[in-house]
């Protein structure tokens, strides 16, 4: 009795093997070696991190959504 391998199973195995290989290749092996002129600054706190990566994108979304809706709001007030 032989094994019947599904094509989807073969694809999933190939994709997972490639992803695993790529993640192993791209590990930061030389991350602690400093280059000339590389002077890392102090880290930022949780408030600054949330402000930069959460607050600013939300603010940008609200501004863009407001600018997109503005002509419709102005036309409704005229009618």
N, C-alpha and C. Protein backbone atom coordinates (compact mmCIF):
# COMPACT_ATOMS: atom_id res chain seq x y z
N UNK A 1 0.86 -1.17 0.00
CA UNK A 1 0.00 0.00 0.00
C UNK A 1 0.90 1.23 0.00
N UNK A 2 0.77 2.04 -1.01
CA UNK A 2 1.60 3.23 -1.12
C UNK A 2 0.91 4.46 -0.56
N UNK A 3 1.70 5.48 -0.30
CA UNK A 3 1.15 6.73 0.19
C UNK A 3 0.68 7.58 -0.97
N UNK A 4 -0.47 8.18 -0.83
CA UNK A 4 -0.97 9.13 -1.82
C UNK A 4 -0.83 10.51 -1.19
N UNK A 5 -0.02 11.34 -1.84
CA UNK A 5 0.25 12.66 -1.29
C UNK A 5 -0.59 13.69 -2.03
N UNK A 6 -1.29 14.48 -1.27
CA UNK A 6 -2.13 15.53 -1.83
C UNK A 6 -1.26 16.67 -2.35
N UNK A 7 -1.67 17.30 -3.43
CA UNK A 7 -0.89 18.41 -3.98
C UNK A 7 -0.83 19.58 -3.00
N UNK A 8 -1.92 19.84 -2.32
CA UNK A 8 -1.92 20.93 -1.34
C UNK A 8 -0.94 20.66 -0.21
N UNK A 9 -0.83 19.40 0.18
CA UNK A 9 0.13 19.05 1.23
C UNK A 9 1.56 19.26 0.74
N UNK A 10 1.82 18.92 -0.51
CA UNK A 10 3.15 19.15 -1.07
C UNK A 10 3.47 20.64 -1.14
N UNK A 11 2.49 21.43 -1.57
CA UNK A 11 2.69 22.88 -1.63
C UNK A 11 2.95 23.46 -0.25
N UNK A 12 2.15 23.03 0.72
CA UNK A 12 2.33 23.53 2.09
C UNK A 12 3.70 23.15 2.63
N UNK A 13 4.14 21.94 2.36
CA UNK A 13 5.46 21.52 2.80
C UNK A 13 6.57 22.32 2.14
N UNK A 14 6.42 22.57 0.84
CA UNK A 14 7.44 23.34 0.12
C UNK A 14 7.48 24.78 0.62
N UNK A 15 6.32 25.38 0.81
CA UNK A 15 6.27 26.76 1.29
C UNK A 15 6.86 26.86 2.69
N UNK A 16 6.51 25.94 3.57
CA UNK A 16 7.05 26.00 4.93
C UNK A 16 8.55 25.76 4.95
N UNK A 17 9.04 24.90 4.06
CA UNK A 17 10.49 24.67 3.99
C UNK A 17 11.21 25.92 3.50
N UNK A 18 10.66 26.57 2.49
CA UNK A 18 11.28 27.79 1.97
C UNK A 18 11.25 28.90 3.00
N UNK A 19 10.13 29.06 3.69
CA UNK A 19 10.03 30.11 4.71
C UNK A 19 11.00 29.84 5.84
N UNK A 20 11.12 28.60 6.26
CA UNK A 20 12.07 28.26 7.32
C UNK A 20 13.50 28.53 6.88
N UNK A 21 13.83 28.15 5.66
CA UNK A 21 15.17 28.38 5.14
C UNK A 21 15.47 29.87 5.05
N UNK A 22 14.54 30.65 4.54
CA UNK A 22 14.76 32.09 4.42
C UNK A 22 14.89 32.77 5.79
N UNK A 23 14.11 32.32 6.75
CA UNK A 23 14.22 32.93 8.08
C UNK A 23 15.54 32.55 8.75
N UNK A 24 16.05 31.36 8.48
CA UNK A 24 17.35 30.99 9.03
C UNK A 24 18.48 31.76 8.35
N UNK A 25 18.34 31.99 7.06
CA UNK A 25 19.37 32.73 6.34
C UNK A 25 19.41 34.20 6.77
N UNK A 26 18.24 34.75 7.05
CA UNK A 26 18.16 36.19 7.34
C UNK A 26 18.32 36.52 8.82
N UNK A 27 18.79 35.61 9.63
CA UNK A 27 18.99 35.92 11.05
C UNK A 27 20.08 36.97 11.20
N UNK A 28 19.96 37.82 12.19
CA UNK A 28 20.94 38.90 12.36
C UNK A 28 22.24 38.41 12.97
N UNK A 29 23.04 37.70 12.20
CA UNK A 29 24.27 37.12 12.71
C UNK A 29 25.31 38.18 13.04
N UNK A 30 25.31 39.26 12.30
CA UNK A 30 26.32 40.29 12.50
C UNK A 30 25.72 41.56 13.10
N UNK A 31 24.68 41.43 13.89
CA UNK A 31 23.97 42.60 14.41
C UNK A 31 24.80 43.36 15.44
N UNK A 32 25.73 42.73 16.13
CA UNK A 32 26.49 43.40 17.17
C UNK A 32 27.75 44.07 16.66
N UNK A 33 28.04 43.94 15.38
CA UNK A 33 29.23 44.57 14.82
C UNK A 33 28.87 45.99 14.42
N UNK A 34 29.58 46.96 14.98
CA UNK A 34 29.30 48.36 14.70
C UNK A 34 30.09 48.82 13.49
N UNK A 35 29.42 49.57 12.63
CA UNK A 35 30.08 50.16 11.47
C UNK A 35 30.61 51.54 11.85
N UNK A 36 31.44 52.10 10.97
CA UNK A 36 31.93 53.46 11.20
C UNK A 36 30.77 54.43 11.17
N UNK A 37 30.69 55.29 12.15
CA UNK A 37 29.63 56.29 12.22
C UNK A 37 28.34 55.78 12.81
N UNK A 38 28.30 54.54 13.21
CA UNK A 38 27.10 53.97 13.80
C UNK A 38 27.09 54.29 15.29
N UNK A 39 26.25 55.21 15.67
CA UNK A 39 26.14 55.59 17.08
C UNK A 39 24.67 55.52 17.49
N UNK A 40 24.23 54.37 17.97
CA UNK A 40 22.81 54.26 18.33
C UNK A 40 22.47 55.17 19.51
N UNK A 41 21.31 55.77 19.43
CA UNK A 41 20.87 56.66 20.49
C UNK A 41 20.14 55.90 21.58
N UNK A 42 19.60 56.67 22.51
CA UNK A 42 18.85 56.07 23.61
C UNK A 42 17.52 55.54 23.08
N UNK A 43 17.02 54.51 23.72
CA UNK A 43 15.74 53.95 23.32
C UNK A 43 14.59 54.87 23.69
N UNK A 44 13.43 54.62 23.08
CA UNK A 44 12.27 55.44 23.40
C UNK A 44 11.34 54.65 24.31
N UNK A 45 10.56 55.38 25.08
CA UNK A 45 9.66 54.75 26.04
C UNK A 45 8.39 54.26 25.39
N UNK A 46 7.52 53.65 26.22
CA UNK A 46 6.29 53.07 25.69
C UNK A 46 5.33 54.15 25.21
N UNK A 47 5.33 55.29 25.86
CA UNK A 47 4.45 56.37 25.42
C UNK A 47 4.84 56.90 24.05
N UNK A 48 6.12 57.11 23.86
CA UNK A 48 6.59 57.57 22.56
C UNK A 48 6.38 56.51 21.48
N UNK A 49 6.58 55.26 21.83
CA UNK A 49 6.38 54.18 20.87
C UNK A 49 4.92 54.11 20.44
N UNK A 50 4.01 54.18 21.39
CA UNK A 50 2.58 54.16 21.05
C UNK A 50 2.19 55.40 20.26
N UNK A 51 2.77 56.54 20.61
CA UNK A 51 2.46 57.76 19.87
C UNK A 51 2.91 57.68 18.42
N UNK A 52 4.10 57.14 18.19
CA UNK A 52 4.65 57.09 16.84
C UNK A 52 3.97 56.01 16.01
N UNK A 53 3.80 54.82 16.57
CA UNK A 53 3.33 53.68 15.78
C UNK A 53 1.82 53.45 15.87
N UNK A 54 1.12 54.11 16.77
CA UNK A 54 -0.34 53.97 16.86
C UNK A 54 -1.02 55.32 16.68
N UNK A 55 -0.59 56.32 17.43
CA UNK A 55 -1.25 57.62 17.41
C UNK A 55 -1.14 58.34 16.08
N UNK A 56 0.05 58.42 15.54
CA UNK A 56 0.24 59.14 14.27
C UNK A 56 -0.52 58.46 13.12
N UNK A 57 -0.48 57.13 12.97
CA UNK A 57 -1.29 56.53 11.89
C UNK A 57 -2.79 56.75 12.06
N UNK A 58 -3.29 56.69 13.29
CA UNK A 58 -4.71 56.94 13.50
C UNK A 58 -5.04 58.39 13.16
N UNK A 59 -4.20 59.32 13.58
CA UNK A 59 -4.41 60.72 13.26
C UNK A 59 -4.38 60.96 11.76
N UNK A 60 -3.43 60.34 11.06
CA UNK A 60 -3.36 60.47 9.61
C UNK A 60 -4.61 59.91 8.96
N UNK A 61 -5.12 58.78 9.44
CA UNK A 61 -6.35 58.20 8.90
C UNK A 61 -7.53 59.14 9.09
N UNK A 62 -7.65 59.72 10.27
CA UNK A 62 -8.77 60.62 10.55
C UNK A 62 -8.69 61.86 9.66
N UNK A 63 -7.51 62.41 9.49
CA UNK A 63 -7.35 63.60 8.63
C UNK A 63 -7.70 63.27 7.18
N UNK A 64 -7.19 62.16 6.66
CA UNK A 64 -7.47 61.79 5.27
C UNK A 64 -8.95 61.48 5.09
N UNK A 65 -9.56 60.76 6.03
CA UNK A 65 -10.99 60.46 5.94
C UNK A 65 -11.81 61.75 5.99
N UNK A 66 -11.41 62.70 6.84
CA UNK A 66 -12.11 63.98 6.90
C UNK A 66 -12.00 64.75 5.60
N UNK A 67 -10.82 64.75 5.00
CA UNK A 67 -10.65 65.45 3.73
C UNK A 67 -11.43 64.79 2.60
N UNK A 68 -11.58 63.47 2.64
CA UNK A 68 -12.35 62.78 1.62
C UNK A 68 -13.84 63.06 1.80
N UNK A 69 -14.32 63.14 3.03
CA UNK A 69 -15.74 63.36 3.30
C UNK A 69 -16.14 64.83 3.22
N UNK A 70 -15.19 65.74 3.25
CA UNK A 70 -15.48 67.17 3.28
C UNK A 70 -16.33 67.65 2.11
N UNK A 71 -16.05 67.29 0.85
CA UNK A 71 -16.90 67.77 -0.24
C UNK A 71 -18.35 67.31 -0.11
N UNK A 72 -18.57 66.09 0.35
CA UNK A 72 -19.93 65.59 0.52
C UNK A 72 -20.65 66.36 1.62
N UNK A 73 -19.95 66.68 2.69
CA UNK A 73 -20.56 67.45 3.78
C UNK A 73 -20.92 68.86 3.31
N UNK A 74 -20.04 69.46 2.54
CA UNK A 74 -20.31 70.82 2.04
C UNK A 74 -21.50 70.80 1.09
N UNK A 75 -21.60 69.81 0.20
CA UNK A 75 -22.74 69.72 -0.73
C UNK A 75 -24.06 69.48 -0.02
N UNK A 76 -24.07 68.73 1.07
CA UNK A 76 -25.30 68.48 1.82
C UNK A 76 -25.79 69.76 2.51
N UNK A 77 -24.87 70.60 2.96
CA UNK A 77 -25.26 71.86 3.62
C UNK A 77 -25.86 72.83 2.61
N UNK A 78 -25.40 72.81 1.36
CA UNK A 78 -25.92 73.71 0.34
C UNK A 78 -27.33 73.31 -0.09
N UNK A 79 -27.63 72.00 -0.07
CA UNK A 79 -28.95 71.53 -0.54
C UNK A 79 -29.96 71.61 0.51
